């Protein structure tokens, strides 16, 4: 799989914990107000400022999600990256 145009291919989207650092379990009715997500870059297009293995922060509503060989990937445009973590 090769990244095309200005898309970064991501794998391993990090999920938020369902409990606090003190061990308190949060009920599922609490709204998730966080609008960002982070993931590792699996593939970046040639000439990109981003490199494979970097973890980036992006809006969780922008990427296109797809499954290939039972693994979930996401594609996000380079311009939608908020930060490199």
N, C-alpha and C. Protein backbone atom coordinates (compact mmCIF):
# COMPACT_ATOMS: atom_id res chain seq x y z
N UNK A 1 0.85 -1.16 0.00
CA UNK A 1 0.00 0.00 0.00
C UNK A 1 0.90 1.23 0.00
N UNK A 2 0.60 2.18 -0.86
CA UNK A 2 1.43 3.38 -1.00
C UNK A 2 0.54 4.62 -0.89
N UNK A 3 0.97 5.57 -0.08
CA UNK A 3 0.23 6.82 0.09
C UNK A 3 0.27 7.63 -1.21
N UNK A 4 -0.84 8.26 -1.54
CA UNK A 4 -0.94 9.04 -2.77
C UNK A 4 -1.24 10.51 -2.45
N UNK A 5 -0.84 11.38 -3.35
CA UNK A 5 -1.10 12.82 -3.25
C UNK A 5 -0.65 13.34 -1.89
N UNK A 6 -1.53 14.00 -1.18
CA UNK A 6 -1.14 14.58 0.11
C UNK A 6 -1.76 13.81 1.28
N UNK A 7 -2.07 12.53 1.06
CA UNK A 7 -2.67 11.72 2.12
C UNK A 7 -1.63 10.96 2.92
N UNK A 8 -1.82 10.92 4.23
CA UNK A 8 -1.01 10.10 5.13
C UNK A 8 -1.85 8.89 5.51
N UNK A 9 -1.29 7.71 5.47
CA UNK A 9 -2.01 6.51 5.89
C UNK A 9 -1.64 6.22 7.33
N UNK A 10 -2.66 6.08 8.18
CA UNK A 10 -2.47 5.93 9.61
C UNK A 10 -2.90 4.56 10.08
N UNK A 11 -2.29 4.09 11.14
CA UNK A 11 -2.66 2.83 11.76
C UNK A 11 -2.53 3.01 13.27
N UNK A 12 -3.31 2.27 14.04
CA UNK A 12 -3.19 2.30 15.49
C UNK A 12 -3.77 3.54 16.13
N UNK A 13 -4.99 3.89 15.78
CA UNK A 13 -5.63 5.05 16.39
C UNK A 13 -5.79 4.79 17.87
N UNK A 14 -5.32 5.73 18.68
CA UNK A 14 -5.37 5.57 20.12
C UNK A 14 -6.76 5.90 20.64
N UNK A 15 -7.27 5.02 21.52
CA UNK A 15 -8.58 5.23 22.12
C UNK A 15 -8.41 5.77 23.52
N UNK A 16 -9.39 6.54 23.95
CA UNK A 16 -9.37 7.13 25.28
C UNK A 16 -9.72 6.06 26.32
N UNK A 17 -9.15 6.20 27.51
CA UNK A 17 -9.46 5.29 28.62
C UNK A 17 -10.87 5.55 29.12
N UNK A 18 -11.51 4.48 29.63
CA UNK A 18 -12.85 4.61 30.19
C UNK A 18 -12.80 4.83 31.69
N UNK A 19 -11.61 5.12 32.22
CA UNK A 19 -11.51 5.45 33.64
C UNK A 19 -10.45 6.52 33.84
N UNK A 20 -10.55 7.19 34.96
CA UNK A 20 -9.62 8.27 35.27
C UNK A 20 -8.30 7.70 35.77
N UNK A 21 -7.30 8.57 35.91
CA UNK A 21 -6.00 8.11 36.41
C UNK A 21 -6.09 7.59 37.83
N UNK A 22 -7.12 8.00 38.57
CA UNK A 22 -7.34 7.52 39.94
C UNK A 22 -8.10 6.21 39.99
N UNK A 23 -8.50 5.68 38.83
CA UNK A 23 -9.19 4.39 38.77
C UNK A 23 -10.70 4.47 38.76
N UNK A 24 -11.25 5.67 38.69
CA UNK A 24 -12.71 5.81 38.66
C UNK A 24 -13.21 5.49 37.26
N UNK A 25 -14.14 4.54 37.17
CA UNK A 25 -14.70 4.14 35.87
C UNK A 25 -15.74 5.15 35.45
N UNK A 26 -15.60 5.64 34.21
CA UNK A 26 -16.53 6.64 33.68
C UNK A 26 -17.71 5.95 33.00
N UNK A 27 -18.93 6.38 33.30
CA UNK A 27 -20.09 5.77 32.64
C UNK A 27 -20.12 6.13 31.15
N UNK A 28 -20.72 5.26 30.36
CA UNK A 28 -20.75 5.48 28.91
C UNK A 28 -21.66 6.63 28.50
N UNK A 29 -22.46 7.14 29.42
CA UNK A 29 -23.37 8.24 29.07
C UNK A 29 -22.66 9.59 29.03
N UNK A 30 -21.42 9.64 29.55
CA UNK A 30 -20.67 10.89 29.48
C UNK A 30 -20.28 11.14 28.03
N UNK A 31 -20.60 12.33 27.52
CA UNK A 31 -20.29 12.65 26.13
C UNK A 31 -18.79 12.81 25.92
N UNK A 32 -18.32 12.33 24.81
CA UNK A 32 -16.92 12.52 24.43
C UNK A 32 -16.81 13.85 23.71
N UNK A 33 -16.29 14.86 24.41
CA UNK A 33 -16.20 16.20 23.83
C UNK A 33 -14.86 16.44 23.14
N UNK A 34 -13.97 15.47 23.23
CA UNK A 34 -12.66 15.61 22.59
C UNK A 34 -12.83 15.46 21.08
N UNK A 35 -12.33 16.40 20.33
CA UNK A 35 -12.50 16.36 18.88
C UNK A 35 -11.22 15.96 18.14
N UNK A 36 -10.20 15.55 18.90
CA UNK A 36 -8.94 15.15 18.27
C UNK A 36 -8.63 13.68 18.55
N UNK A 37 -7.78 13.14 17.71
CA UNK A 37 -7.30 11.76 17.86
C UNK A 37 -5.83 11.74 17.48
N UNK A 38 -5.15 10.68 17.87
CA UNK A 38 -3.75 10.54 17.48
C UNK A 38 -3.53 9.14 16.92
N UNK A 39 -2.58 9.02 16.02
CA UNK A 39 -2.27 7.74 15.40
C UNK A 39 -0.86 7.78 14.82
N UNK A 40 -0.33 6.60 14.57
CA UNK A 40 1.00 6.47 13.97
C UNK A 40 0.89 6.48 12.45
N UNK A 41 1.82 7.16 11.80
CA UNK A 41 1.85 7.18 10.34
C UNK A 41 2.39 5.84 9.84
N UNK A 42 1.61 5.18 9.02
CA UNK A 42 2.00 3.90 8.42
C UNK A 42 2.74 4.13 7.11
N UNK A 43 2.29 5.14 6.36
CA UNK A 43 2.90 5.46 5.05
C UNK A 43 2.65 6.92 4.74
N UNK A 44 3.67 7.59 4.23
CA UNK A 44 3.56 9.00 3.82
C UNK A 44 4.00 9.11 2.36
N UNK A 45 3.41 10.05 1.61
CA UNK A 45 3.81 10.20 0.21
C UNK A 45 5.25 10.68 0.07
N UNK A 46 5.84 10.39 -1.06
CA UNK A 46 7.21 10.82 -1.32
C UNK A 46 7.30 12.34 -1.24
N UNK A 47 8.32 12.84 -0.56
CA UNK A 47 8.53 14.27 -0.43
C UNK A 47 7.77 14.91 0.73
N UNK A 48 7.05 14.12 1.49
CA UNK A 48 6.27 14.64 2.62
C UNK A 48 7.19 15.06 3.76
N UNK A 49 6.75 16.05 4.53
CA UNK A 49 7.51 16.46 5.72
C UNK A 49 7.29 15.47 6.86
N UNK A 50 6.27 14.62 6.74
CA UNK A 50 5.96 13.61 7.75
C UNK A 50 6.59 12.30 7.35
N UNK A 51 7.00 11.53 8.35
CA UNK A 51 7.69 10.27 8.10
C UNK A 51 6.98 9.10 8.77
N UNK A 52 7.16 7.92 8.21
CA UNK A 52 6.60 6.70 8.78
C UNK A 52 7.06 6.55 10.22
N UNK A 53 6.12 6.19 11.11
CA UNK A 53 6.43 5.98 12.51
C UNK A 53 6.14 7.17 13.41
N UNK A 54 6.01 8.37 12.84
CA UNK A 54 5.67 9.54 13.65
C UNK A 54 4.22 9.41 14.13
N UNK A 55 3.95 9.91 15.32
CA UNK A 55 2.59 9.95 15.84
C UNK A 55 2.08 11.38 15.68
N UNK A 56 0.91 11.49 15.06
CA UNK A 56 0.36 12.82 14.78
C UNK A 56 -0.98 13.01 15.48
N UNK A 57 -1.35 14.27 15.67
CA UNK A 57 -2.63 14.67 16.23
C UNK A 57 -3.46 15.27 15.09
N UNK A 58 -4.73 14.89 15.00
CA UNK A 58 -5.59 15.37 13.93
C UNK A 58 -7.03 15.39 14.40
N UNK A 59 -7.91 16.05 13.66
CA UNK A 59 -9.34 16.06 13.97
C UNK A 59 -9.90 14.67 13.71
N UNK A 60 -10.60 14.11 14.68
CA UNK A 60 -11.10 12.74 14.51
C UNK A 60 -12.26 12.64 13.54
N UNK A 61 -12.79 13.76 13.08
CA UNK A 61 -13.92 13.73 12.14
C UNK A 61 -13.50 13.83 10.68
N UNK A 62 -12.22 14.06 10.39
CA UNK A 62 -11.77 14.27 9.02
C UNK A 62 -11.30 13.02 8.27
N UNK A 63 -10.65 12.06 8.90
CA UNK A 63 -10.06 10.95 8.13
C UNK A 63 -11.09 10.02 7.50
N UNK A 64 -10.63 9.37 6.44
CA UNK A 64 -11.40 8.31 5.79
C UNK A 64 -10.89 7.00 6.39
N UNK A 65 -11.80 6.18 6.89
CA UNK A 65 -11.41 4.92 7.52
C UNK A 65 -11.70 3.76 6.57
N UNK A 66 -10.77 2.77 6.52
CA UNK A 66 -10.98 1.59 5.69
C UNK A 66 -10.28 0.39 6.32
N UNK A 67 -10.70 -0.80 5.93
CA UNK A 67 -10.12 -2.04 6.45
C UNK A 67 -9.44 -2.78 5.32
N UNK A 68 -8.24 -3.28 5.59
CA UNK A 68 -7.48 -4.06 4.61
C UNK A 68 -6.80 -5.19 5.36
N UNK A 69 -7.06 -6.41 4.96
CA UNK A 69 -6.50 -7.59 5.61
C UNK A 69 -6.77 -7.59 7.11
N UNK A 70 -8.01 -7.31 7.48
CA UNK A 70 -8.48 -7.30 8.87
C UNK A 70 -7.77 -6.28 9.76
N UNK A 71 -7.20 -5.25 9.19
CA UNK A 71 -6.55 -4.19 9.95
C UNK A 71 -7.19 -2.87 9.56
N UNK A 72 -7.49 -2.05 10.55
CA UNK A 72 -8.15 -0.76 10.29
C UNK A 72 -7.10 0.32 10.03
N UNK A 73 -7.27 1.02 8.93
CA UNK A 73 -6.40 2.13 8.54
C UNK A 73 -7.24 3.38 8.40
N UNK A 74 -6.57 4.52 8.42
CA UNK A 74 -7.23 5.79 8.16
C UNK A 74 -6.35 6.60 7.23
N UNK A 75 -6.97 7.42 6.40
CA UNK A 75 -6.25 8.32 5.50
C UNK A 75 -6.62 9.75 5.88
N UNK A 76 -5.61 10.56 6.14
CA UNK A 76 -5.84 11.96 6.51
C UNK A 76 -4.91 12.83 5.65
N UNK A 77 -5.41 13.97 5.23
CA UNK A 77 -4.59 14.88 4.42
C UNK A 77 -3.53 15.54 5.29
N UNK A 78 -2.37 15.78 4.69
CA UNK A 78 -1.27 16.42 5.41
C UNK A 78 -1.69 17.76 6.01
N UNK A 79 -2.52 18.53 5.29
CA UNK A 79 -2.93 19.84 5.76
C UNK A 79 -3.82 19.78 7.00
N UNK A 80 -4.37 18.57 7.31
CA UNK A 80 -5.24 18.42 8.47
C UNK A 80 -4.50 17.97 9.72
N UNK A 81 -3.18 17.81 9.65
CA UNK A 81 -2.39 17.45 10.81
C UNK A 81 -2.27 18.67 11.72
N UNK A 82 -2.58 18.47 12.99
CA UNK A 82 -2.51 19.57 13.97
C UNK A 82 -1.13 19.65 14.57
N UNK A 83 -0.54 18.48 14.93
CA UNK A 83 0.77 18.48 15.57
C UNK A 83 1.41 17.10 15.43
N UNK A 84 2.73 17.07 15.57
CA UNK A 84 3.48 15.82 15.66
C UNK A 84 3.77 15.62 17.14
N UNK A 85 3.39 14.47 17.67
CA UNK A 85 3.58 14.21 19.10
C UNK A 85 4.90 13.54 19.38
